[in-house]
Amino acid sequence: MDRIKVTYQFSETEPWNEVAIAALSEVGFDSFVELENGIEAYINEDEFDERILREGVLQEIKEHTQTNVFIEKIPFQNWNAVWESDFKPVFVEDKLTILAPFHDRSLAVGLSIVIQPQMSFGTGHHQTTWMMSKILLDMKRVPDTILDMGTGTGVLAILSEKLGAKDVLAIDIEPWSVDNTIENAERNSCQNINALCGDIDLIEGKKFDLILANINKNILKSHMKYYSESLFINSKLALSGFFDSDSDELITHAEQYGLIFDSKIVKETWAALILVKI
């Protein structure tokens, strides 16, 4: 499927980069690149409605900062090349290196994961994936049964297995993400990852020792009840995909489902939360 790239250029990027990403994530845009003078945002062509760029929060931004908007169609066959041209090794402190197949393996520090970028989210470059990786790496012991909801490239599922998980369920609503996860799991010699295409209903009746969900705020809120029902008592839920300014809202929302705040990581305005099922 072809993709649409929308480039926003702002005369002042703070806080407008963050505001624009939050607004676009609410209307179907699923990948973002922050630039020195704005952002790039990506969406599937069949989900794109140009009117949304002229309405709501996006229109209000233009009242505060000079804004230029460029729209570009990216053919499907060129998408991998776009990712590869921008894909650099990612280092999560000195504990993990995320590489592409075309990178020099000698660059790796700590554990290494090889990810073919393709078009799915979760290469490790984004702050949220970096923080979720750090959460796993900082655990004294990664539990046996893990759900990776919104798996993207499968990087968190792969890291979970490398850290000792015995049964990892990786779910994404996008078929190409599931295919990418399967490919990347094989590339990293993983044998304990089951990748499925679908939504939250796929976890009905299942229980997990740990749930990882790196999505966006509204989807996280809509899923919260199901996450709680699928966790054992005292098990943890790790969330990211939202700005730190949304943390309190998510913490309060989670409390009604017996999920209590444990800790938080913040990286460049983005946040990750750890909640505990009581």
C-alpha atoms as a PDB file:
ATOM      1  CA  MET A   1       0.000   0.000   0.000  1.00  0.00           C
ATOM      2  CA  ASP A   2       1.229   3.492  -0.823  1.00  0.00           C
ATOM      3  CA  ARG A   3       1.956   5.875   2.027  1.00  0.00           C
ATOM      4  CA  ILE A   4       1.449   9.605   2.464  1.00  0.00           C
ATOM      5  CA  LYS A   5       4.198  11.723   4.003  1.00  0.00           C
ATOM      6  CA  VAL A   6       3.155  15.077   5.417  1.00  0.00           C
ATOM      7  CA  THR A   7       5.979  17.451   6.299  1.00  0.00           C
ATOM      8  CA  TYR A   8       5.272  20.326   8.684  1.00  0.00           C
ATOM      9  CA  GLN A   9       7.808  23.139   8.912  1.00  0.00           C
ATOM     10  CA  PHE A  10       7.430  25.510  11.875  1.00  0.00           C
ATOM     11  CA  SER A  11       9.194  28.807  12.536  1.00  0.00           C
ATOM     12  CA  GLU A  12       9.143  27.711  16.199  1.00  0.00           C
ATOM     13  CA  THR A  13       9.345  23.981  16.880  1.00  0.00           C
ATOM     14  CA  GLU A  14       8.624  24.114  20.624  1.00  0.00           C
ATOM     15  CA  PRO A  15       6.033  23.124  21.614  1.00  0.00           C
ATOM     16  CA  TRP A  16       4.544  22.803  18.120  1.00  0.00           C
ATOM     17  CA  ASN A  17       6.374  19.635  17.082  1.00  0.00           C
ATOM     18  CA  GLU A  18       4.889  17.885  20.091  1.00  0.00           C
ATOM     19  CA  VAL A  19       1.419  19.382  19.602  1.00  0.00           C
ATOM     20  CA  ALA A  20       1.331  18.401  15.913  1.00  0.00           C
ATOM     21  CA  ILE A  21       2.468  14.819  16.586  1.00  0.00           C
ATOM     22  CA  ALA A  22      -0.190  14.409  19.264  1.00  0.00           C
ATOM     23  CA  ALA A  23      -2.911  15.774  16.961  1.00  0.00           C
ATOM     24  CA  LEU A  24      -1.877  13.691  13.957  1.00  0.00           C
ATOM     25  CA  SER A  25      -1.611  10.497  16.019  1.00  0.00           C
ATOM     26  CA  GLU A  26      -5.294  10.944  16.882  1.00  0.00           C
ATOM     27  CA  VAL A  27      -6.324  10.809  13.206  1.00  0.00           C
ATOM     28  CA  GLY A  28      -4.434   7.775  11.931  1.00  0.00           C
ATOM     29  CA  PHE A  29      -0.845   8.907  11.415  1.00  0.00           C
ATOM     30  CA  ASP A  30       1.356   6.128  12.810  1.00  0.00           C
ATOM     31  CA  SER A  31       4.995   7.135  12.291  1.00  0.00           C
ATOM     32  CA  PHE A  32       6.819  10.383  12.935  1.00  0.00           C
ATOM     33  CA  VAL A  33      10.281  11.836  12.423  1.00  0.00           C
ATOM     34  CA  GLU A  34      11.248  14.994  14.282  1.00  0.00           C
ATOM     35  CA  LEU A  35      13.221  17.492  12.224  1.00  0.00           C
ATOM     36  CA  GLU A  36      15.186  20.572  13.204  1.00  0.00           C
ATOM     37  CA  ASN A  37      12.416  22.746  11.777  1.00  0.00           C
ATOM     38  CA  GLY A  38       9.331  20.567  12.175  1.00  0.00           C
ATOM     39  CA  ILE A  39       8.138  16.988  11.679  1.00  0.00           C
ATOM     40  CA  GLU A  40       7.454  14.330   9.086  1.00  0.00           C
ATOM     41  CA  ALA A  41       4.275  12.282   9.609  1.00  0.00           C
ATOM     42  CA  TYR A  42       3.257   9.089   7.778  1.00  0.00           C
ATOM     43  CA  ILE A  43      -0.126   7.474   7.125  1.00  0.00           C
ATOM     44  CA  ASN A  44      -1.550   4.830   4.791  1.00  0.00           C
ATOM     45  CA  GLU A  45      -2.966   6.426   1.653  1.00  0.00           C
ATOM     46  CA  ASP A  46      -6.432   4.916   2.140  1.00  0.00           C
ATOM     47  CA  GLU A  47      -6.674   6.475   5.616  1.00  0.00           C
ATOM     48  CA  PHE A  48      -5.559   9.950   4.569  1.00  0.00           C
ATOM     49  CA  ASP A  49      -8.041  12.830   4.405  1.00  0.00           C
ATOM     50  CA  GLU A  50      -6.425  16.127   3.456  1.00  0.00           C
ATOM     51  CA  ARG A  51      -9.198  18.058   5.202  1.00  0.00           C
ATOM     52  CA  ILE A  52      -7.845  17.065   8.608  1.00  0.00           C
ATOM     53  CA  LEU A  53      -4.737  19.151   7.909  1.00  0.00           C
ATOM     54  CA  ARG A  54      -6.918  22.260   7.813  1.00  0.00           C
ATOM     55  CA  GLU A  55      -9.049  21.620  10.886  1.00  0.00           C
ATOM     56  CA  GLY A  56      -8.855  21.496  14.670  1.00  0.00           C
ATOM     57  CA  VAL A  57      -5.550  21.662  16.483  1.00  0.00           C
ATOM     58  CA  LEU A  58      -3.538  21.735  13.260  1.00  0.00           C
ATOM     59  CA  GLN A  59      -5.310  24.897  12.150  1.00  0.00           C
ATOM     60  CA  GLU A  60      -4.778  26.469  15.573  1.00  0.00           C
ATOM     61  CA  ILE A  61      -1.023  25.864  15.320  1.00  0.00           C
ATOM     62  CA  LYS A  62      -0.894  28.134  12.265  1.00  0.00           C
ATOM     63  CA  GLU A  63      -2.234  30.959  14.407  1.00  0.00           C
ATOM     64  CA  HIS A  64       0.812  30.756  16.683  1.00  0.00           C
ATOM     65  CA  THR A  65       3.757  29.969  14.417  1.00  0.00           C
ATOM     66  CA  GLN A  66       4.541  30.306  10.726  1.00  0.00           C
ATOM     67  CA  THR A  67       3.720  26.939   9.168  1.00  0.00           C
ATOM     68  CA  ASN A  68       4.470  25.299   5.836  1.00  0.00           C
ATOM     69  CA  VAL A  69       2.874  21.978   4.902  1.00  0.00           C
ATOM     70  CA  PHE A  70       4.056  19.614   2.160  1.00  0.00           C
ATOM     71  CA  ILE A  71       2.269  16.422   1.103  1.00  0.00           C
ATOM     72  CA  GLU A  72       4.071  13.630  -0.721  1.00  0.00           C
ATOM     73  CA  LYS A  73       2.944  10.199  -1.897  1.00  0.00           C
ATOM     74  CA  ILE A  74       5.512   7.457  -1.298  1.00  0.00           C
ATOM     75  CA  PRO A  75       5.024   4.348  -3.477  1.00  0.00           C
ATOM     76  CA  PHE A  76       5.042   1.092  -1.553  1.00  0.00           C
ATOM     77  CA  GLN A  77       8.054  -0.292  -3.380  1.00  0.00           C
ATOM     78  CA  ASN A  78      10.192   2.657  -2.263  1.00  0.00           C
ATOM     79  CA  TRP A  79       9.288   2.552   1.423  1.00  0.00           C
ATOM     80  CA  ASN A  80      11.998   0.152   2.509  1.00  0.00           C
ATOM     81  CA  ALA A  81      14.617   2.293   0.769  1.00  0.00           C
ATOM     82  CA  VAL A  82      13.383   5.328   2.688  1.00  0.00           C
ATOM     83  CA  TRP A  83      13.770   3.487   5.984  1.00  0.00           C
ATOM     84  CA  GLU A  84      17.185   2.082   5.096  1.00  0.00           C
ATOM     85  CA  SER A  85      18.562   5.470   4.119  1.00  0.00           C
ATOM     86  CA  ASP A  86      17.674   6.866   7.558  1.00  0.00           C
ATOM     87  CA  PHE A  87      18.304   3.782   9.665  1.00  0.00           C
ATOM     88  CA  LYS A  88      21.331   4.103  11.938  1.00  0.00           C
ATOM     89  CA  PRO A  89      22.362   1.722  14.767  1.00  0.00           C
ATOM     90  CA  VAL A  90      20.519   2.392  18.015  1.00  0.00           C
ATOM     91  CA  PHE A  91      22.259   2.074  21.372  1.00  0.00           C
ATOM     92  CA  VAL A  92      20.229   1.631  24.552  1.00  0.00           C
ATOM     93  CA  GLU A  93      22.889   2.721  26.990  1.00  0.00           C
ATOM     94  CA  ASP A  94      25.627   0.065  26.904  1.00  0.00           C
ATOM     95  CA  LYS A  95      23.182  -2.825  27.201  1.00  0.00           C
ATOM     96  CA  LEU A  96      21.631  -3.191  23.746  1.00  0.00           C
ATOM     97  CA  THR A  97      22.386  -2.368  20.126  1.00  0.00           C
ATOM     98  CA  ILE A  98      19.660  -2.471  17.470  1.00  0.00           C
ATOM     99  CA  LEU A  99      21.121  -2.981  14.007  1.00  0.00           C
ATOM    100  CA  ALA A 100      19.889  -3.441  10.463  1.00  0.00           C
ATOM    101  CA  PRO A 101      21.187  -6.341   8.326  1.00  0.00           C
ATOM    102  CA  PHE A 102      23.349  -3.900   6.351  1.00  0.00           C
ATOM    103  CA  HIS A 103      25.153  -2.571   9.450  1.00  0.00           C
ATOM    104  CA  ASP A 104      28.609  -3.618  10.618  1.00  0.00           C
ATOM    105  CA  ARG A 105      28.017  -6.104  13.446  1.00  0.00           C
ATOM    106  CA  SER A 106      31.257  -5.034  15.123  1.00  0.00           C
ATOM    107  CA  LEU A 107      29.466  -1.821  16.119  1.00  0.00           C
ATOM    108  CA  ALA A 108      27.301  -3.732  18.612  1.00  0.00           C
ATOM    109  CA  VAL A 109      27.615  -3.123  22.345  1.00  0.00           C
ATOM    110  CA  GLY A 110      25.869  -5.429  24.817  1.00  0.00           C
ATOM    111  CA  LEU A 111      23.027  -7.539  23.430  1.00  0.00           C
ATOM    112  CA  SER A 112      22.378  -7.117  19.721  1.00  0.00           C
ATOM    113  CA  ILE A 113      19.139  -7.341  17.745  1.00  0.00           C
ATOM    114  CA  VAL A 114      19.037  -7.226  13.953  1.00  0.00           C
ATOM    115  CA  ILE A 115      15.905  -5.584  12.573  1.00  0.00           C
ATOM    116  CA  GLN A 116      14.948  -5.199   8.926  1.00  0.00           C
ATOM    117  CA  PRO A 117      13.184  -1.815   9.213  1.00  0.00           C
ATOM    118  CA  GLN A 118      10.543  -2.076   6.469  1.00  0.00           C
ATOM    119  CA  MET A 119       7.498   0.085   7.165  1.00  0.00           C
ATOM    120  CA  SER A 120       6.542  -1.009  10.678  1.00  0.00           C
ATOM    121  CA  PHE A 121       7.050   1.145  13.750  1.00  0.00           C
ATOM    122  CA  GLY A 122       9.585   0.139  16.356  1.00  0.00           C
ATOM    123  CA  THR A 123      13.137   0.362  15.101  1.00  0.00           C
ATOM    124  CA  GLY A 124      14.400   1.690  18.418  1.00  0.00           C
ATOM    125  CA  HIS A 125      15.032   5.150  17.033  1.00  0.00           C
ATOM    126  CA  HIS A 126      11.909   6.574  18.570  1.00  0.00           C
ATOM    127  CA  GLN A 127      12.145   7.618  22.203  1.00  0.00           C
ATOM    128  CA  THR A 128       9.235   5.376  23.212  1.00  0.00           C
ATOM    129  CA  THR A 129      10.790   2.176  21.826  1.00  0.00           C
ATOM    130  CA  TRP A 130      14.094   3.131  23.452  1.00  0.00           C
ATOM    131  CA  MET A 131      12.392   3.556  26.840  1.00  0.00           C
ATOM    132  CA  MET A 132      10.452   0.295  26.566  1.00  0.00           C
ATOM    133  CA  SER A 133      13.700  -1.498  25.752  1.00  0.00           C
ATOM    134  CA  LYS A 134      15.321   0.086  28.788  1.00  0.00           C
ATOM    135  CA  ILE A 135      12.460  -1.102  31.009  1.00  0.00           C
ATOM    136  CA  LEU A 136      13.094  -4.686  29.911  1.00  0.00           C
ATOM    137  CA  LEU A 137      16.859  -4.359  30.240  1.00  0.00           C
ATOM    138  CA  ASP A 138      16.590  -2.938  33.759  1.00  0.00           C
ATOM    139  CA  MET A 139      14.481  -5.838  35.073  1.00  0.00           C
ATOM    140  CA  LYS A 140      16.291  -8.199  37.418  1.00  0.00           C
ATOM    141  CA  ARG A 141      14.443 -11.034  35.745  1.00  0.00           C
ATOM    142  CA  VAL A 142      12.192 -10.886  32.692  1.00  0.00           C
ATOM    143  CA  PRO A 143       9.113 -13.064  33.352  1.00  0.00           C
ATOM    144  CA  ASP A 144       8.161 -16.116  31.335  1.00  0.00           C
ATOM    145  CA  THR A 145       4.898 -15.027  29.692  1.00  0.00           C
ATOM    146  CA  ILE A 146       4.805 -11.676  27.895  1.00  0.00           C
ATOM    147  CA  LEU A 147       2.396  -9.826  25.618  1.00  0.00           C
ATOM    148  CA  ASP A 148       3.828  -7.291  23.174  1.00  0.00           C
ATOM    149  CA  MET A 149       0.781  -5.326  22.023  1.00  0.00           C
ATOM    150  CA  GLY A 150       1.323  -3.226  18.907  1.00  0.00           C
ATOM    151  CA  THR A 151       4.526  -5.091  18.181  1.00  0.00           C
ATOM    152  CA  GLY A 152       5.606  -3.181  15.043  1.00  0.00           C
ATOM    153  CA  THR A 153       8.930  -4.688  14.006  1.00  0.00           C
ATOM    154  CA  GLY A 154       8.832  -7.153  16.901  1.00  0.00           C
ATOM    155  CA  VAL A 155      11.878  -5.607  18.551  1.00  0.00           C
ATOM    156  CA  LEU A 156      10.422  -5.717  22.083  1.00  0.00           C
ATOM    157  CA  ALA A 157       9.211  -9.291  21.629  1.00  0.00           C
ATOM    158  CA  ILE A 158      12.668 -10.292  20.391  1.00  0.00           C
ATOM    159  CA  LEU A 159      14.371  -8.511  23.274  1.00  0.00           C
ATOM    160  CA  SER A 160      11.999 -10.229  25.711  1.00  0.00           C
ATOM    161  CA  GLU A 161      13.030 -13.662  24.439  1.00  0.00           C
ATOM    162  CA  LYS A 162      16.710 -12.766  24.455  1.00  0.00           C
ATOM    163  CA  LEU A 163      16.324 -11.778  28.099  1.00  0.00           C
ATOM    164  CA  GLY A 164      14.727 -15.105  29.016  1.00  0.00           C
ATOM    165  CA  ALA A 165      10.999 -15.002  28.232  1.00  0.00           C
ATOM    166  CA  LYS A 166       9.598 -18.434  27.399  1.00  0.00           C
ATOM    167  CA  ASP A 167       6.289 -17.499  25.739  1.00  0.00           C
ATOM    168  CA  VAL A 168       5.854 -14.166  23.916  1.00  0.00           C
ATOM    169  CA  LEU A 169       2.645 -13.186  22.134  1.00  0.00           C
ATOM    170  CA  ALA A 170       3.225 -10.349  19.643  1.00  0.00           C
ATOM    171  CA  ILE A 171       0.077  -8.679  18.247  1.00  0.00           C
ATOM    172  CA  ASP A 172      -0.389  -5.928  15.680  1.00  0.00           C
ATOM    173  CA  ILE A 173      -3.388  -4.739  13.667  1.00  0.00           C
ATOM    174  CA  GLU A 174      -1.240  -4.317  10.537  1.00  0.00           C
ATOM    175  CA  PRO A 175      -0.507  -7.463   8.486  1.00  0.00           C
ATOM    176  CA  TRP A 176       2.873  -6.162   7.284  1.00  0.00           C
ATOM    177  CA  SER A 177       3.937  -5.572  10.887  1.00  0.00           C
ATOM    178  CA  VAL A 178       3.131  -9.177  11.743  1.00  0.00           C
ATOM    179  CA  ASP A 179       5.047 -10.386   8.679  1.00  0.00           C
ATOM    180  CA  ASN A 180       7.963  -8.135   9.662  1.00  0.00           C
ATOM    181  CA  THR A 181       7.892  -9.482  13.232  1.00  0.00           C
ATOM    182  CA  ILE A 182       7.969 -13.077  12.006  1.00  0.00           C
ATOM    183  CA  GLU A 183      10.867 -12.268   9.664  1.00  0.00           C
ATOM    184  CA  ASN A 184      12.805 -10.441  12.376  1.00  0.00           C
ATOM    185  CA  ALA A 185      12.165 -13.182  14.936  1.00  0.00           C
ATOM    186  CA  GLU A 186      13.642 -15.734  12.541  1.00  0.00           C
ATOM    187  CA  ARG A 187      16.565 -13.410  11.798  1.00  0.00           C
ATOM    188  CA  ASN A 188      17.357 -13.309  15.528  1.00  0.00           C
ATOM    189  CA  SER A 189      16.916 -17.092  16.011  1.00  0.00           C
ATOM    190  CA  CYS A 190      13.854 -16.647  18.240  1.00  0.00           C
ATOM    191  CA  GLN A 191      11.643 -19.674  18.834  1.00  0.00           C
ATOM    192  CA  ASN A 192       9.249 -18.491  21.551  1.00  0.00           C
ATOM    193  CA  ILE A 193       7.413 -15.684  19.712  1.00  0.00           C
ATOM    194  CA  ASN A 194       3.890 -16.158  18.352  1.00  0.00           C
ATOM    195  CA  ALA A 195       2.983 -13.225  16.076  1.00  0.00           C
ATOM    196  CA  LEU A 196      -0.717 -12.646  15.335  1.00  0.00           C
ATOM    197  CA  CYS A 197      -2.609 -10.075  13.285  1.00  0.00           C
ATOM    198  CA  GLY A 198      -5.568  -8.560  15.097  1.00  0.00           C
ATOM    199  CA  ASP A 199      -6.667  -6.398  17.994  1.00  0.00           C
ATOM    200  CA  ILE A 200      -7.247  -6.602  21.724  1.00  0.00           C
ATOM    201  CA  ASP A 201      -9.841  -9.403  21.417  1.00  0.00           C
ATOM    202  CA  LEU A 202      -6.971 -11.813  20.697  1.00  0.00           C
ATOM    203  CA  ILE A 203      -5.926 -11.743  24.364  1.00  0.00           C
ATOM    204  CA  GLU A 204      -9.348 -12.733  25.734  1.00  0.00           C
ATOM    205  CA  GLY A 205      -8.964 -15.571  28.227  1.00  0.00           C
ATOM    206  CA  LYS A 206      -5.173 -15.322  28.275  1.00  0.00           C
ATOM    207  CA  LYS A 207      -2.956 -14.385  31.220  1.00  0.00           C
ATOM    208  CA  PHE A 208       0.473 -12.739  31.165  1.00  0.00           C
ATOM    209  CA  ASP A 209       3.257 -12.033  33.633  1.00  0.00           C
ATOM    210  CA  LEU A 210       4.088  -8.800  31.795  1.00  0.00           C
ATOM    211  CA  ILE A 211       2.332  -6.708  29.153  1.00  0.00           C
ATOM    212  CA  LEU A 212       4.199  -4.270  26.903  1.00  0.00           C
ATOM    213  CA  ALA A 213       2.091  -1.723  25.013  1.00  0.00           C
ATOM    214  CA  ASN A 214       3.759   1.012  22.980  1.00  0.00           C
ATOM    215  CA  ILE A 215       0.806   2.511  21.120  1.00  0.00           C
ATOM    216  CA  ASN A 216      -0.914   5.885  21.631  1.00  0.00           C
ATOM    217  CA  LYS A 217      -2.809   7.390  24.523  1.00  0.00           C
ATOM    218  CA  ASN A 218      -6.379   6.832  23.331  1.00  0.00           C
ATOM    219  CA  ILE A 219      -5.813   3.225  22.330  1.00  0.00           C
ATOM    220  CA  LEU A 220      -4.034   2.550  25.622  1.00  0.00           C
ATOM    221  CA  LYS A 221      -7.018   3.949  27.510  1.00  0.00           C
ATOM    222  CA  SER A 222      -9.472   1.848  25.506  1.00  0.00           C
ATOM    223  CA  HIS A 223      -7.359  -1.278  26.120  1.00  0.00           C
ATOM    224  CA  MET A 224      -6.715  -0.680  29.838  1.00  0.00           C
ATOM    225  CA  LYS A 225      -9.572  -2.842  31.124  1.00  0.00           C
ATOM    226  CA  TYR A 226      -8.415  -5.789  29.001  1.00  0.00           C
ATOM    227  CA  TYR A 227      -4.797  -5.400  30.046  1.00  0.00           C
ATOM    228  CA  SER A 228      -5.862  -5.526  33.683  1.00  0.00           C
ATOM    229  CA  GLU A 229      -8.005  -8.617  33.156  1.00  0.00           C
ATOM    230  CA  SER A 230      -5.098 -10.384  31.442  1.00  0.00           C
ATOM    231  CA  LEU A 231      -2.479  -9.744  34.128  1.00  0.00           C
ATOM    232  CA  PHE A 232      -1.758 -11.884  37.172  1.00  0.00           C
ATOM    233  CA  ILE A 233      -1.846 -10.124  40.546  1.00  0.00           C
ATOM    234  CA  ASN A 234       1.408  -8.212  41.156  1.00  0.00           C
ATOM    235  CA  SER A 235       2.323  -8.460  37.463  1.00  0.00           C
ATOM    236  CA  LYS A 236       3.360  -5.359  35.534  1.00  0.00           C
ATOM    237  CA  LEU A 237       2.085  -3.334  32.606  1.00  0.00           C
ATOM    238  CA  ALA A 238       4.639  -1.181  30.735  1.00  0.00           C
ATOM    239  CA  LEU A 239       3.157   1.589  28.601  1.00  0.00           C
ATOM    240  CA  SER A 240       4.573   4.119  26.177  1.00  0.00           C
ATOM    241  CA  GLY A 241       3.616   5.981  23.007  1.00  0.00           C
ATOM    242  CA  PHE A 242       2.482   9.220  24.667  1.00  0.00           C
ATOM    243  CA  PHE A 243       3.875  12.495  25.929  1.00  0.00           C
ATOM    244  CA  ASP A 244       4.847  13.046  29.543  1.00  0.00           C
ATOM    245  CA  SER A 245       2.058  15.616  29.762  1.00  0.00           C
ATOM    246  CA  ASP A 246      -0.413  12.723  29.347  1.00  0.00           C
ATOM    247  CA  SER A 247       1.091  10.587  32.121  1.00  0.00           C
ATOM    248  CA  ASP A 248      -1.186  11.726  34.939  1.00  0.00           C
ATOM    249  CA  GLU A 249      -4.273  11.155  32.803  1.00  0.00           C
ATOM    250  CA  LEU A 250      -3.214   7.588  32.043  1.00  0.00           C
ATOM    251  CA  ILE A 251      -2.254   6.867  35.659  1.00  0.00           C
ATOM    252  CA  THR A 252      -5.649   8.068  36.887  1.00  0.00           C
ATOM    253  CA  HIS A 253      -7.478   6.115  34.187  1.00  0.00           C
ATOM    254  CA  ALA A 254      -5.580   2.916  35.016  1.00  0.00           C
ATOM    255  CA  GLU A 255      -6.376   3.105  38.736  1.00  0.00           C
ATOM    256  CA  GLN A 256     -10.047   2.269  38.156  1.00  0.00           C
ATOM    257  CA  TYR A 257      -8.912  -1.091  36.741  1.00  0.00           C
ATOM    258  CA  GLY A 258      -6.638  -1.967  39.645  1.00  0.00           C
ATOM    259  CA  LEU A 259      -3.440  -0.848  37.931  1.00  0.00           C
ATOM    260  CA  ILE A 260      -1.289   1.243  40.256  1.00  0.00           C
ATOM    261  CA  PHE A 261       1.601   3.524  39.321  1.00  0.00           C
ATOM    262  CA  ASP A 262       5.052   2.092  40.000  1.00  0.00           C
ATOM    263  CA  SER A 263       7.576   4.214  38.087  1.00  0.00           C
ATOM    264  CA  LYS A 264       8.158   6.438  35.059  1.00  0.00           C
ATOM    265  CA  ILE A 265      10.859   7.171  32.488  1.00  0.00           C
ATOM    266  CA  VAL A 266      10.946  10.409  30.498  1.00  0.00           C
ATOM    267  CA  LYS A 267      12.964  10.969  27.331  1.00  0.00           C
ATOM    268  CA  GLU A 268      12.683  14.182  25.307  1.00  0.00           C
ATOM    269  CA  THR A 269       9.056  14.956  26.287  1.00  0.00           C
ATOM    270  CA  TRP A 270       7.924  11.318  25.749  1.00  0.00           C
ATOM    271  CA  ALA A 271       7.164   9.039  28.703  1.00  0.00           C
ATOM    272  CA  ALA A 272       6.930   5.366  29.657  1.00  0.00           C
ATOM    273  CA  LEU A 273       5.002   4.109  32.673  1.00  0.00           C
ATOM    274  CA  ILE A 274       5.204   0.939  34.705  1.00  0.00           C
ATOM    275  CA  LEU A 275       1.951  -0.028  36.429  1.00  0.00           C
ATOM    276  CA  VAL A 276       1.307  -2.944  38.797  1.00  0.00           C
ATOM    277  CA  LYS A 277      -1.859  -5.053  38.949  1.00  0.00           C
ATOM    278  CA  ILE A 278      -3.220  -5.239  42.508  1.00  0.00           C
END
